[in-house]
Amino acid sequence: MRSLFIFLLMGMLFKGTAQFDAYFENKSLRIDYQHAGNSTEDFYFLDEVKIEPFWGGSRTNLIDPFGYGEYQIKVFDQSSGQLIFSRGYSTLFMEWQTTAEAKKLQKSFSETVCLPLPKKPARIEFYTRNRAGDFEKKYEYAFNPSDYFIHPEQRMIFPVFDVQVNGDPSQKVDIVILPDGYTSRELKKFKKDCQQFAGILFSFEPFRSNRSKFNIRGVLAPSQEPGNDIPADGVWKNSILETSFYTFDSERYCMTRANKTMADLAANAPYDQIYILVNQDKYGGGGIFNQYCVSVSGNLSSAKIIVHEFGHGFAGLGDEYVGDVSYNEFYPLDVEPWEPNLTTLVHFDRKWGAMITPGVPVPTPDTKEYEQVIGVFEGGGYATKGVYRPVHDCLMNTFDGDVFCGVCRDAIQRMIDFHSK
């Protein structure tokens, strides 16, 4: 029986790889675009299209099974119409749309999607999730491999070093770590901080048990000045990725608007995930699903910031805490959130119901009796009422404990498996 299972598994892997080889080169097609609009509208404007030297993703799992993210791309072979690749993702633009500022003005954000490089003409469709939770097609790009305006040159070439490499990028979760606010004299510190990053990540489950399924590399790209921007304090630094605190006027929300620079730096290595380490001891960070994560390297809470933000960027986990952000109506109460660890009970059957012990009430009282069990606890996704989380506390809620809850661990494990099998 074991031999039959291995034979079937090898057959599935061969079929998936053969499909990749039929449609794709082992490189990336990068599409940069401007995402513009206001609180109720969004528009896509093509910027440029590039060929990059690595494809770090799976060569067998090409179609997204999760349905996560506020946006989605679908790639169709032009001649047959067959869907050959899809991915979900989120962006900083979407978060901005939920702010009060977005009700008063229009704004544009630079964004990037990467996919394996098609060998033949392909139709690439862009979708936005509407307020009802459904994806709507918003933009279409016709890719032609003979288009000589698609350029292959790399703009920002820097040395890459291995933090840990365990195998073929197509069978691993590949993380590329980018530095911000490290001068040329501080790149040794950056290398040390990357090793510390790995040690931190793999001290938490389920990452510890899956360490052999990860590759981590760092890009040695110096900044002109140490540290990064703190606008409310009048601190502005000439750093390569221009990360800044006070994103959307939230003090600890540290992100970047230098999207194309980030993509150029990441292109030095194969990657599934981009993680920016900031040479800073002020508390802060951020993470956006299938886009990038940011964490400071010098704060006493850095360890838990790192894994919390990676929960967002890698597994699509939502924040389980209440308040402390400027967003309004982030989760409509008549729509089930796409995040695997939040629910409005609209379609709870799609979430973690099977993990709840019989007899635990739904919703679950947030009392001592249920403090250690998986249930449905009110308060999460920044909302006091109407949005529910799986447990009393978790690393996606507060930093009082040291573990992801069972629901979050399960979501992380499924994502690890997707990228490494």
Protein backbone atom coordinates (compact mmCIF):
# COMPACT_ATOMS: atom_id res chain seq x y z
CA MET A 1 0.00 0.00 0.00
CA ARG A 2 2.85 2.38 0.85
CA SER A 3 4.49 1.68 -2.51
CA LEU A 4 1.19 2.41 -4.31
CA PHE A 5 0.82 5.74 -2.45
CA ILE A 6 4.37 6.79 -3.37
CA PHE A 7 3.74 5.78 -7.00
CA LEU A 8 0.53 7.86 -7.14
CA LEU A 9 2.23 10.83 -5.50
CA MET A 10 5.13 10.72 -7.95
CA GLY A 11 2.64 10.52 -10.79
CA MET A 12 0.84 13.64 -9.57
CA LEU A 13 4.11 15.53 -9.19
CA PHE A 14 5.22 14.50 -12.69
CA LYS A 15 1.89 15.60 -14.16
CA GLY A 16 2.08 18.98 -12.42
CA THR A 17 5.69 19.58 -13.49
CA ALA A 18 4.90 18.52 -17.04
CA GLN A 19 2.08 21.09 -17.13
CA PHE A 20 4.47 23.77 -15.89
CA ASP A 21 7.03 22.86 -18.55
CA ALA A 22 4.35 22.93 -21.23
CA TYR A 23 3.23 26.47 -20.43
CA PHE A 24 6.02 28.26 -18.57
CA GLU A 25 9.71 29.12 -18.50
CA ASN A 26 11.49 28.79 -15.14
CA LYS A 27 11.59 32.60 -14.86
CA SER A 28 9.16 35.27 -13.65
CA LEU A 29 6.96 37.69 -15.53
CA ARG A 30 6.63 40.83 -13.43
CA ILE A 31 3.80 43.29 -14.05
CA ASP A 32 4.01 46.72 -12.42
CA TYR A 33 0.86 48.82 -12.42
CA GLN A 34 -0.74 51.78 -10.70
CA HIS A 35 -3.78 51.02 -8.59
CA ALA A 36 -5.84 54.18 -8.21
CA GLY A 37 -9.19 55.27 -6.87
CA ASN A 38 -11.02 56.32 -3.73
CA SER A 39 -13.05 54.60 -1.02
CA THR A 40 -15.54 53.10 -3.49
CA GLU A 41 -13.73 52.82 -6.84
CA ASP A 42 -10.50 51.29 -8.10
CA PHE A 43 -8.77 51.38 -11.47
CA TYR A 44 -5.71 49.61 -12.91
CA PHE A 45 -3.14 51.38 -15.10
CA LEU A 46 -0.27 49.39 -16.63
CA ASP A 47 3.21 50.70 -15.80
CA GLU A 48 5.75 48.22 -17.19
CA VAL A 49 6.31 44.52 -17.79
CA LYS A 50 9.61 42.80 -17.03
CA ILE A 51 11.19 39.37 -17.22
CA GLU A 52 13.06 38.35 -14.08
CA PRO A 53 15.65 35.55 -13.83
CA PHE A 54 14.02 33.35 -11.15
CA TRP A 55 10.69 31.70 -10.47
CA GLY A 56 10.63 30.80 -6.77
CA GLY A 57 7.13 29.34 -6.64
CA SER A 58 5.81 25.82 -6.94
CA ARG A 59 5.96 24.13 -10.32
CA THR A 60 3.10 21.75 -9.45
CA ASN A 61 0.61 23.86 -7.45
CA LEU A 62 -0.23 26.49 -10.05
CA ILE A 63 -3.90 27.15 -9.29
CA ASP A 64 -4.75 28.93 -6.03
CA PRO A 65 -7.04 26.70 -3.89
CA PHE A 66 -7.51 29.16 -1.00
CA GLY A 67 -9.49 32.11 -2.33
CA TYR A 68 -7.68 34.46 0.04
CA GLY A 69 -6.90 38.10 -0.59
CA GLU A 70 -8.67 41.23 -1.78
CA TYR A 71 -7.38 40.74 -5.32
CA GLN A 72 -6.71 37.89 -7.69
CA ILE A 73 -4.90 37.31 -10.96
CA LYS A 74 -5.82 34.57 -13.41
CA VAL A 75 -3.65 33.52 -16.33
CA PHE A 76 -5.21 31.78 -19.34
CA ASP A 77 -3.45 30.16 -22.26
CA GLN A 78 -4.58 32.31 -25.18
CA SER A 79 -5.08 29.56 -27.76
CA SER A 80 -6.92 27.01 -25.60
CA GLY A 81 -8.53 29.29 -23.02
CA GLN A 82 -7.30 27.01 -20.23
CA LEU A 83 -6.63 28.49 -16.80
CA ILE A 84 -2.92 27.83 -16.19
CA PHE A 85 -2.13 29.96 -13.13
CA SER A 86 -3.91 31.95 -10.40
CA ARG A 87 -3.02 33.69 -7.16
CA GLY A 88 -4.77 35.80 -4.54
CA TYR A 89 -3.15 38.75 -2.82
CA SER A 90 -3.85 41.96 -0.92
CA THR A 91 -2.35 45.45 -1.13
CA LEU A 92 -1.74 48.64 0.80
CA PHE A 93 -4.17 50.41 -1.55
CA MET A 94 -7.03 48.25 -0.33
CA GLU A 95 -6.26 49.15 3.28
CA TRP A 96 -6.10 52.82 2.36
CA GLN A 97 -9.59 52.55 0.83
CA THR A 98 -10.99 51.87 4.31
CA THR A 99 -9.56 55.08 5.79
CA ALA A 100 -11.34 58.40 6.22
CA GLU A 101 -8.87 60.00 3.79
CA ALA A 102 -10.11 57.79 0.95
CA LYS A 103 -13.58 59.32 1.30
CA LYS A 104 -12.17 62.76 0.50
CA LEU A 105 -9.62 62.29 -2.29
CA GLN A 106 -8.29 59.99 -4.98
CA LYS A 107 -4.87 58.37 -4.76
CA SER A 108 -2.65 55.92 -6.63
CA PHE A 109 -0.37 53.18 -5.33
CA SER A 110 2.36 51.31 -7.22
CA GLU A 111 1.75 47.54 -7.14
CA THR A 112 3.37 44.43 -8.59
CA VAL A 113 2.32 40.89 -9.41
CA CYS A 114 4.70 38.11 -10.41
CA LEU A 115 3.87 34.86 -12.19
CA PRO A 116 5.85 32.18 -14.01
CA LEU A 117 6.88 33.41 -17.47
CA PRO A 118 4.44 32.05 -20.10
CA LYS A 119 6.02 30.45 -23.16
CA LYS A 120 3.07 31.33 -25.38
CA PRO A 121 0.56 34.20 -25.64
CA ALA A 122 -1.59 34.45 -22.53
CA ARG A 123 -4.51 36.46 -21.19
CA ILE A 124 -3.90 37.85 -17.69
CA GLU A 125 -6.98 39.01 -15.81
CA PHE A 126 -7.06 41.17 -12.67
CA TYR A 127 -9.90 40.90 -10.18
CA THR A 128 -10.99 43.03 -7.21
CA ARG A 129 -13.11 41.65 -4.38
CA ASN A 130 -16.21 43.83 -3.97
CA ARG A 131 -17.94 44.76 -0.73
CA ALA A 132 -20.18 41.70 -1.10
CA GLY A 133 -17.08 39.49 -1.00
CA ASP A 134 -17.16 38.48 -4.68
CA PHE A 135 -14.38 38.93 -7.24
CA GLU A 136 -15.08 41.29 -10.14
CA LYS A 137 -12.89 41.46 -13.24
CA LYS A 138 -11.34 44.92 -13.51
CA TYR A 139 -8.47 44.72 -15.99
CA GLU A 140 -6.99 42.49 -18.67
CA TYR A 141 -3.48 42.33 -20.13
CA ALA A 142 -2.61 40.40 -23.30
CA PHE A 143 0.87 38.92 -22.92
CA ASN A 144 2.85 38.13 -26.05
CA PRO A 145 6.32 36.59 -25.56
CA SER A 146 7.52 38.23 -28.80
CA ASP A 147 6.74 41.74 -27.53
CA TYR A 148 10.14 43.47 -27.59
CA PHE A 149 8.97 46.13 -25.09
CA ILE A 150 9.06 43.51 -22.32
CA HIS A 151 12.53 44.03 -20.95
CA PRO A 152 14.76 41.49 -19.20
CA GLU A 153 17.41 43.70 -17.61
CA GLN A 154 17.81 43.93 -13.83
CA ARG A 155 18.02 47.43 -12.42
CA MET A 156 19.41 46.83 -8.93
CA ILE A 157 21.92 43.98 -8.76
CA PHE A 158 23.35 43.28 -5.31
CA PRO A 159 25.09 40.32 -3.68
CA VAL A 160 22.87 37.62 -2.17
CA PHE A 161 23.84 35.42 0.77
CA ASP A 162 22.29 32.22 2.09
CA VAL A 163 20.76 32.32 5.55
CA GLN A 164 19.59 28.74 5.13
CA VAL A 165 19.02 26.84 1.89
CA ASN A 166 17.46 23.38 2.00
CA GLY A 167 16.76 22.61 -1.63
CA ASP A 168 15.05 23.40 -4.93
CA PRO A 169 13.04 26.67 -4.72
CA SER A 170 10.09 25.00 -6.44
CA GLN A 171 9.78 22.61 -3.48
CA LYS A 172 10.44 25.07 -0.65
CA VAL A 173 8.99 28.21 0.87
CA ASP A 174 11.49 30.83 -0.31
CA ILE A 175 11.88 33.99 1.77
CA VAL A 176 14.03 36.87 0.55
CA ILE A 177 15.02 39.35 3.26
CA LEU A 178 15.62 42.95 2.18
CA PRO A 179 17.40 45.54 4.36
CA ASP A 180 16.23 49.06 4.99
CA GLY A 181 18.27 51.61 6.91
CA TYR A 182 21.48 49.58 7.00
CA THR A 183 24.46 51.54 5.68
CA SER A 184 27.33 49.80 3.90
CA ARG A 185 29.17 49.66 7.23
CA GLU A 186 26.16 47.95 8.82
CA LEU A 187 25.66 45.10 6.36
CA LYS A 188 27.45 42.72 8.72
CA LYS A 189 24.80 43.64 11.28
CA PHE A 190 22.14 42.93 8.65
CA LYS A 191 23.57 39.45 8.05
CA LYS A 192 23.50 38.82 11.80
CA ASP A 193 19.91 40.11 11.97
CA CYS A 194 18.93 37.73 9.16
CA GLN A 195 20.31 34.79 11.15
CA GLN A 196 18.38 36.08 14.14
CA PHE A 197 15.25 36.30 11.96
CA ALA A 198 15.59 32.61 11.05
CA GLY A 199 16.20 31.63 14.66
CA ILE A 200 13.08 33.53 15.74
CA LEU A 201 10.84 32.20 12.97
CA PHE A 202 11.78 28.59 13.63
CA SER A 203 11.31 28.91 17.39
CA PHE A 204 7.53 29.04 16.81
CA GLU A 205 5.26 26.24 15.63
CA PRO A 206 4.41 25.17 13.02
CA PHE A 207 7.56 26.73 11.51
CA ARG A 208 9.85 24.78 13.85
CA SER A 209 8.54 21.42 12.63
CA ASN A 210 8.81 22.54 8.99
CA ARG A 211 12.23 24.19 9.01
CA SER A 212 13.57 21.87 6.30
CA LYS A 213 10.86 23.18 3.94
CA PHE A 214 12.22 26.74 3.93
CA ASN A 215 14.95 28.58 2.05
CA ILE A 216 15.98 32.02 3.31
CA ARG A 217 18.28 34.44 1.49
CA GLY A 218 19.31 38.03 2.15
CA VAL A 219 20.14 40.81 -0.30
CA LEU A 220 23.08 43.05 0.65
CA ALA A 221 21.69 46.42 -0.45
CA PRO A 222 22.95 49.37 1.61
CA SER A 223 21.13 52.60 2.51
CA GLN A 224 22.74 56.03 2.57
CA GLU A 225 21.63 56.66 6.15
CA PRO A 226 20.81 54.41 9.12
CA GLY A 227 17.23 53.95 10.34
CA ASN A 228 14.03 55.01 8.60
CA ASP A 229 11.31 57.69 8.52
CA ILE A 230 9.30 58.75 11.58
CA PRO A 231 7.20 61.61 10.15
CA ALA A 232 5.51 62.75 13.37
CA ASP A 233 8.94 63.23 14.94
CA GLY A 234 10.33 65.06 11.92
CA VAL A 235 12.74 62.19 11.21
CA TRP A 236 13.41 61.54 7.54
CA LYS A 237 16.15 59.15 6.46
CA ASN A 238 17.66 58.41 3.06
CA SER A 239 17.03 54.64 3.17
CA ILE A 240 16.87 52.41 0.12
CA LEU A 241 13.30 51.14 0.69
CA GLU A 242 11.89 54.33 2.23
CA THR A 243 10.01 52.51 4.99
CA SER A 244 8.06 54.78 7.27
CA PHE A 245 6.16 54.67 10.53
CA TYR A 246 2.75 56.39 10.75
CA THR A 247 1.39 54.65 7.66
CA PHE A 248 -2.22 55.86 7.47
CA ASP A 249 -1.32 57.92 10.56
CA SER A 250 -1.02 54.79 12.71
CA GLU A 251 2.23 55.25 14.65
CA ARG A 252 3.42 51.65 14.75
CA TYR A 253 2.33 50.77 11.21
CA CYS A 254 5.67 50.72 9.35
CA MET A 255 5.42 50.09 5.59
CA THR A 256 6.93 51.19 2.27
CA ARG A 257 5.60 52.98 -0.80
CA ALA A 258 8.80 52.23 -2.77
CA ASN A 259 7.18 49.26 -4.46
CA LYS A 260 9.31 49.11 -7.61
CA THR A 261 12.56 49.40 -5.66
CA MET A 262 11.38 46.57 -3.42
CA ALA A 263 10.56 44.40 -6.44
CA ASP A 264 13.90 45.23 -8.07
CA LEU A 265 15.81 44.18 -4.94
CA ALA A 266 13.77 41.01 -4.45
CA ALA A 267 14.55 39.96 -8.04
CA ASN A 268 18.11 39.12 -6.97
CA ALA A 269 16.86 35.79 -5.55
CA PRO A 270 14.02 33.29 -6.04
CA TYR A 271 11.21 34.06 -3.59
CA ASP A 272 7.68 33.34 -2.48
CA GLN A 273 7.74 35.94 0.30
CA ILE A 274 9.45 39.30 0.73
CA TYR A 275 10.42 40.33 4.25
CA ILE A 276 11.92 43.77 4.98
CA LEU A 277 14.06 44.14 8.09
CA VAL A 278 14.40 47.75 9.26
CA ASN A 279 17.48 48.86 11.18
CA GLN A 280 15.41 50.44 13.92
CA ASP A 281 14.52 49.86 17.57
CA LYS A 282 11.18 51.70 17.54
CA TYR A 283 8.24 49.27 17.87
CA GLY A 284 6.48 48.61 14.58
CA GLY A 285 5.94 46.62 11.42
CA GLY A 286 3.26 45.38 9.04
CA GLY A 287 2.32 42.57 6.70
CA ILE A 288 0.19 42.24 3.55
CA PHE A 289 -0.86 38.87 2.15
CA ASN A 290 1.33 37.74 -0.76
CA GLN A 291 2.96 41.18 -1.03
CA TYR A 292 5.51 41.84 1.72
CA CYS A 293 6.14 42.03 5.47
CA VAL A 294 8.08 44.56 7.53
CA SER A 295 9.57 44.34 11.00
CA VAL A 296 12.07 46.35 12.98
CA SER A 297 15.15 44.43 14.03
CA GLY A 298 16.05 46.10 17.32
CA ASN A 299 12.94 46.23 19.52
CA LEU A 300 12.46 43.91 22.49
CA SER A 301 9.24 42.71 20.85
CA SER A 302 10.92 42.03 17.49
CA ALA A 303 10.56 38.25 17.81
CA LYS A 304 6.80 38.32 18.09
CA ILE A 305 6.45 41.16 15.58
CA ILE A 306 8.34 39.03 13.04
CA VAL A 307 6.11 35.98 13.36
CA HIS A 308 2.88 38.00 13.72
CA GLU A 309 3.56 39.92 10.49
CA PHE A 310 4.63 36.76 8.70
CA GLY A 311 1.26 35.29 9.69
CA HIS A 312 -0.36 38.10 7.67
CA GLY A 313 1.95 38.03 4.66
CA PHE A 314 2.37 34.29 4.29
CA ALA A 315 -0.82 32.63 5.52
CA GLY A 316 -3.36 35.44 5.11
CA LEU A 317 -4.15 35.53 8.82
CA GLY A 318 -6.20 38.49 10.07
CA ASP A 319 -5.61 40.58 13.17
CA GLU A 320 -7.60 39.20 16.08
CA TYR A 321 -7.36 42.31 18.27
CA VAL A 322 -9.86 45.12 18.74
CA GLY A 323 -9.40 48.77 17.76
CA ASP A 324 -6.10 50.61 17.61
CA VAL A 325 -6.39 51.37 13.89
CA SER A 326 -7.91 54.22 11.91
CA TYR A 327 -9.82 52.01 9.49
CA ASN A 328 -13.60 52.19 9.30
CA GLU A 329 -15.88 49.32 8.35
CA PHE A 330 -12.92 47.06 7.60
CA TYR A 331 -15.09 43.93 7.81
CA PRO A 332 -18.73 44.32 6.67
CA LEU A 333 -20.78 42.30 9.14
CA ASP A 334 -22.97 40.79 6.41
CA VAL A 335 -19.97 39.27 4.57
CA GLU A 336 -17.80 36.37 5.70
CA PRO A 337 -14.13 37.49 5.90
CA TRP A 338 -11.77 35.63 3.60
CA GLU A 339 -9.14 35.37 6.37
CA PRO A 340 -9.08 31.81 7.79
CA ASN A 341 -9.03 32.93 11.47
CA LEU A 342 -11.89 35.46 11.46
CA THR A 343 -15.63 35.04 11.02
CA THR A 344 -18.80 37.12 11.05
CA LEU A 345 -20.80 33.86 11.36
CA VAL A 346 -22.30 34.50 7.91
CA HIS A 347 -20.66 31.35 6.54
CA PHE A 348 -18.99 29.88 9.58
CA ASP A 349 -19.40 26.43 8.02
CA ARG A 350 -16.42 27.36 5.82
CA LYS A 351 -14.19 28.09 8.79
CA TRP A 352 -12.97 26.15 11.86
CA GLY A 353 -16.23 24.56 13.08
CA ALA A 354 -14.78 21.03 12.81
CA MET A 355 -12.08 21.99 15.33
CA ILE A 356 -14.53 22.96 18.07
CA THR A 357 -15.08 20.37 20.81
CA PRO A 358 -18.73 19.28 21.14
CA GLY A 359 -20.38 21.17 23.97
CA VAL A 360 -18.45 24.41 23.46
CA PRO A 361 -21.10 27.10 22.78
CA VAL A 362 -21.04 29.20 19.60
CA PRO A 363 -20.54 32.13 20.15
CA THR A 364 -18.26 31.28 23.06
CA PRO A 365 -18.24 33.25 26.33
CA ASP A 366 -14.83 34.83 26.91
CA THR A 367 -14.55 33.43 30.43
CA LYS A 368 -11.96 31.44 32.36
CA GLU A 369 -13.83 28.21 31.59
CA TYR A 370 -13.13 28.55 27.86
CA GLU A 371 -9.77 30.32 27.99
CA GLN A 372 -7.80 27.35 26.62
CA VAL A 373 -10.25 26.00 24.02
CA ILE A 374 -11.03 26.70 20.38
CA GLY A 375 -14.38 28.41 20.09
CA VAL A 376 -15.91 31.54 18.56
CA PHE A 377 -15.02 34.58 20.67
CA GLU A 378 -16.50 37.99 19.87
CA GLY A 379 -14.04 40.77 19.14
CA GLY A 380 -11.51 40.68 16.32
CA GLY A 381 -10.58 42.28 13.02
CA TYR A 382 -10.46 45.63 14.92
CA ALA A 383 -14.18 45.37 15.76
CA THR A 384 -15.63 44.95 19.24
CA LYS A 385 -18.89 43.47 17.98
CA GLY A 386 -19.85 41.22 15.09
CA VAL A 387 -16.40 39.82 14.19
CA TYR A 388 -15.20 36.66 15.96
CA ARG A 389 -11.81 35.01 16.59
CA PRO A 390 -11.00 31.34 17.34
CA VAL A 391 -9.49 31.57 20.85
CA HIS A 392 -9.20 33.82 23.86
CA ASP A 393 -5.65 34.79 22.84
CA CYS A 394 -3.13 34.03 20.09
CA LEU A 395 -0.08 35.64 18.49
CA MET A 396 -2.48 37.22 16.00
CA ASN A 397 -4.14 38.99 18.96
CA THR A 398 -1.75 40.01 21.74
CA PHE A 399 1.87 39.20 22.49
CA ASP A 400 1.03 37.95 25.99
CA GLY A 401 1.50 34.34 24.90
CA ASP A 402 4.05 32.56 22.74
CA VAL A 403 1.94 30.43 20.38
CA PHE A 404 -0.33 30.54 17.39
CA CYS A 405 -3.70 28.97 18.14
CA GLY A 406 -4.71 25.69 16.53
CA VAL A 407 -6.71 27.43 13.80
CA CYS A 408 -3.79 29.67 12.81
CA ARG A 409 -1.31 26.80 12.94
CA ASP A 410 -3.55 24.79 10.64
CA ALA A 411 -3.77 27.68 8.15
CA ILE A 412 0.01 28.17 8.20
CA GLN A 413 0.62 24.45 7.69
CA ARG A 414 -1.69 24.32 4.68
CA MET A 415 0.20 27.23 3.12
CA ILE A 416 3.58 25.59 3.80
CA ASP A 417 2.34 22.40 2.15
CA PHE A 418 1.03 24.33 -0.86
CA HIS A 419 4.42 25.91 -1.53
CA SER A 420 6.58 22.87 -0.75
CA LYS A 421 4.74 19.89 -2.24
